[in-house]
Protein backbone atom coordinates (compact mmCIF):
# COMPACT_ATOMS: atom_id res chain seq x y z
CA UNK A 1 159.84 -7.48 -1.55
CA UNK A 2 161.33 -4.17 -1.32
CA UNK A 3 159.15 -1.10 -2.44
CA UNK A 4 160.79 1.10 -5.00
CA UNK A 5 159.40 4.62 -5.57
CA UNK A 6 158.83 5.38 -9.22
CA UNK A 7 161.41 7.98 -10.35
CA UNK A 8 159.78 9.60 -13.36
CA UNK A 9 156.20 10.33 -14.25
CA UNK A 10 156.37 7.54 -16.94
CA UNK A 11 157.30 5.05 -14.27
CA UNK A 12 154.60 6.39 -11.99
CA UNK A 13 151.92 5.93 -14.65
CA UNK A 14 153.19 2.49 -15.54
CA UNK A 15 152.88 1.39 -11.93
CA UNK A 16 149.15 2.10 -11.85
CA UNK A 17 148.11 -1.11 -13.76
CA UNK A 18 150.00 -3.58 -11.50
CA UNK A 19 148.69 -1.57 -8.49
CA UNK A 20 145.12 -2.26 -9.59
CA UNK A 21 145.89 -5.96 -9.78
CA UNK A 22 147.21 -5.94 -6.23
CA UNK A 23 144.06 -4.12 -5.09
CA UNK A 24 141.78 -6.89 -6.39
CA UNK A 25 144.13 -9.63 -4.77
CA UNK A 26 144.10 -7.77 -1.35
CA UNK A 27 140.29 -7.43 -1.06
CA UNK A 28 140.05 -10.19 1.23
CA UNK A 29 141.92 -8.49 4.09
CA UNK A 30 141.15 -9.76 7.45
CA UNK A 31 139.11 -6.80 8.77
CA UNK A 32 135.86 -6.35 10.34
CA UNK A 33 132.89 -8.31 8.92
CA UNK A 34 135.08 -10.51 6.52
CA UNK A 35 133.73 -11.87 3.20
CA UNK A 36 134.51 -15.18 1.80
CA UNK A 37 136.21 -15.67 -1.59
CA UNK A 38 133.15 -17.19 -3.02
CA UNK A 39 130.84 -14.32 -1.79
CA UNK A 40 133.50 -11.78 -2.92
CA UNK A 41 132.95 -13.22 -6.44
CA UNK A 42 129.18 -13.17 -6.13
CA UNK A 43 129.23 -9.39 -5.23
CA UNK A 44 130.28 -8.76 -8.74
CA UNK A 45 126.99 -9.99 -10.06
CA UNK A 46 125.04 -8.48 -7.03
CA UNK A 47 126.50 -4.98 -7.54
CA UNK A 48 125.23 -4.83 -11.15
CA UNK A 49 121.68 -5.79 -10.07
CA UNK A 50 121.80 -3.32 -6.96
CA UNK A 51 123.19 -0.47 -9.20
CA UNK A 52 120.33 -1.04 -11.93
CA UNK A 53 117.77 -0.96 -9.11
CA UNK A 54 119.27 2.23 -7.54
CA UNK A 55 119.35 3.88 -10.92
CA UNK A 56 115.80 3.01 -11.52
CA UNK A 57 114.70 4.25 -8.11
CA UNK A 58 116.66 7.62 -8.56
CA UNK A 59 115.15 8.03 -12.15
CA UNK A 60 118.58 7.81 -13.81
CA UNK A 61 117.26 5.45 -16.48
CA UNK A 62 117.44 6.38 -20.18
CA UNK A 63 113.87 5.64 -20.85
CA UNK A 64 114.58 2.55 -22.82
CA UNK A 65 112.41 -0.50 -22.32
CA UNK A 66 113.48 -2.72 -19.48
CA UNK A 67 115.75 0.04 -18.12
CA UNK A 68 116.53 -0.65 -14.44
CA UNK A 69 115.87 -4.24 -15.02
CA UNK A 70 118.72 -6.61 -15.25
CA UNK A 71 118.80 -9.81 -17.35
CA UNK A 72 121.66 -12.63 -17.47
CA UNK A 73 122.51 -10.91 -20.86
CA UNK A 74 122.94 -7.53 -19.29
CA UNK A 75 125.26 -9.24 -16.46
CA UNK A 76 127.32 -10.70 -19.29
CA UNK A 77 127.75 -7.28 -21.02
CA UNK A 78 128.60 -5.50 -17.84
CA UNK A 79 131.31 -8.00 -16.90
CA UNK A 80 132.55 -8.36 -20.33
CA UNK A 81 132.05 -12.24 -20.32
CA UNK A 82 130.37 -14.87 -22.36
CA UNK A 83 126.59 -15.31 -21.58
CA UNK A 84 127.15 -18.85 -20.68
CA UNK A 85 129.56 -17.60 -17.94
CA UNK A 86 127.29 -15.08 -16.64
CA UNK A 87 124.49 -17.71 -16.63
CA UNK A 88 126.49 -19.85 -14.29
CA UNK A 89 127.57 -16.88 -12.07
CA UNK A 90 123.86 -15.76 -11.74
CA UNK A 91 122.76 -19.40 -11.16
CA UNK A 92 125.27 -19.63 -8.40
CA UNK A 93 123.91 -16.48 -6.76
CA UNK A 94 120.29 -17.78 -6.98
CA UNK A 95 121.38 -21.13 -5.41
CA UNK A 96 123.04 -19.23 -2.58
CA UNK A 97 119.91 -17.25 -2.09
CA UNK A 98 121.13 -13.86 -3.01
CA UNK A 99 119.22 -13.30 -6.35
CA UNK A 100 115.64 -13.99 -7.52
CA UNK A 101 114.42 -14.60 -10.88
CA UNK A 102 111.21 -12.65 -11.70
CA UNK A 103 109.02 -11.65 -14.90
CA UNK A 104 109.79 -8.23 -16.15
CA UNK A 105 107.27 -5.54 -15.50
CA UNK A 106 107.86 -4.06 -18.89
CA UNK A 107 107.87 -7.33 -20.89
CA UNK A 108 106.47 -10.38 -19.24
CA UNK A 109 108.34 -12.64 -21.58
CA UNK A 110 111.68 -11.62 -20.14
CA UNK A 111 113.11 -12.87 -16.86
CA UNK A 112 114.90 -10.38 -14.72
CA UNK A 113 117.11 -10.57 -11.67
CA UNK A 114 116.31 -8.96 -8.41
CA UNK A 115 118.19 -8.97 -5.05
CA UNK A 116 116.77 -11.12 -2.39
CA UNK A 117 116.74 -9.99 1.21
CA UNK A 118 119.91 -12.14 1.68
CA UNK A 119 121.48 -10.46 -1.16
CA UNK A 120 120.81 -7.07 0.19
CA UNK A 121 122.35 -8.06 3.57
CA UNK A 122 125.54 -9.52 1.78
CA UNK A 123 125.93 -6.19 -0.14
CA UNK A 124 125.47 -4.32 3.08
CA UNK A 125 128.11 -6.45 4.75
CA UNK A 126 130.38 -6.06 1.72
CA UNK A 127 130.15 -2.33 1.80
CA UNK A 128 131.08 -2.44 5.54
CA UNK A 129 133.93 -4.70 4.85
CA UNK A 130 135.23 -2.42 1.93
CA UNK A 131 135.11 0.57 4.32
CA UNK A 132 136.68 -1.13 7.14
CA UNK A 133 139.46 -2.22 4.68
CA UNK A 134 139.87 1.25 3.38
CA UNK A 135 140.12 2.74 6.80
CA UNK A 136 142.63 0.20 7.87
CA UNK A 137 144.65 0.63 4.77
CA UNK A 138 144.71 4.55 5.02
CA UNK A 139 144.96 4.83 8.79
CA UNK A 140 148.15 6.70 8.45
CA UNK A 141 147.07 8.99 5.83
CA UNK A 142 145.77 12.51 6.52
CA UNK A 143 142.06 13.13 6.13
CA UNK A 144 142.80 15.30 2.95
CA UNK A 145 144.72 12.47 1.42
CA UNK A 146 141.98 10.03 2.12
CA UNK A 147 139.25 12.27 0.60
CA UNK A 148 141.32 13.12 -2.39
CA UNK A 149 142.11 9.64 -3.12
CA UNK A 150 138.39 8.70 -2.93
CA UNK A 151 137.39 11.74 -5.06
CA UNK A 152 139.95 10.70 -7.72
CA UNK A 153 139.13 6.95 -7.71
CA UNK A 154 135.51 7.77 -8.17
CA UNK A 155 136.52 10.07 -11.12
CA UNK A 156 138.46 7.30 -12.69
CA UNK A 157 135.58 4.90 -12.27
CA UNK A 158 133.23 7.45 -13.96
CA UNK A 159 135.54 7.90 -16.78
CA UNK A 160 135.90 4.04 -17.16
CA UNK A 161 132.15 3.75 -17.30
CA UNK A 162 131.87 6.61 -19.96
CA UNK A 163 134.41 4.78 -22.27
CA UNK A 164 132.40 1.47 -21.70
CA UNK A 165 129.17 3.14 -22.86
CA UNK A 166 130.60 5.25 -25.75
CA UNK A 167 129.07 4.45 -29.17
CA UNK A 168 131.51 2.51 -31.42
CA UNK A 169 133.06 4.64 -34.21
CA UNK A 170 131.60 7.93 -33.15
CA UNK A 171 133.04 8.41 -29.69
CA UNK A 172 136.32 6.28 -30.14
CA UNK A 173 139.53 8.13 -29.07
CA UNK A 174 141.63 9.36 -31.93
């Protein structure tokens, strides 16, 4: 397949969506500490639980009841899937030994999800894998290009998260 450089700003911006699709499909690059396809899917759920735990530990919660605790329903909302789909994904992670169900510390009637030691190890391996893949892919980039790309990617993700958390009607773009 030949690579054609976009000629206009419009073509460049239109190429972003397909590029993100290629990023996801290439996430299993054979680099240091490879991750299986099944575990790659599991990291979607584990990342949600891990980030909630980290936010709670850093005091970044909004003070809402159960903040920092993740339920199956919260996984469904984060992934934008039906609760039954999230339930199957969570059950798979529990069966694999990566997640533990526990009683909520704020409301004992609720069941929350926590990473097991094996889940923490998988996420640590996944971070090493992602960094190794990034280093391999960008090996011929300058340090400035690598850092600028990383900064802009994080800015993009932050903007995406802000859109996801806006209030319907009030914060909607015009």
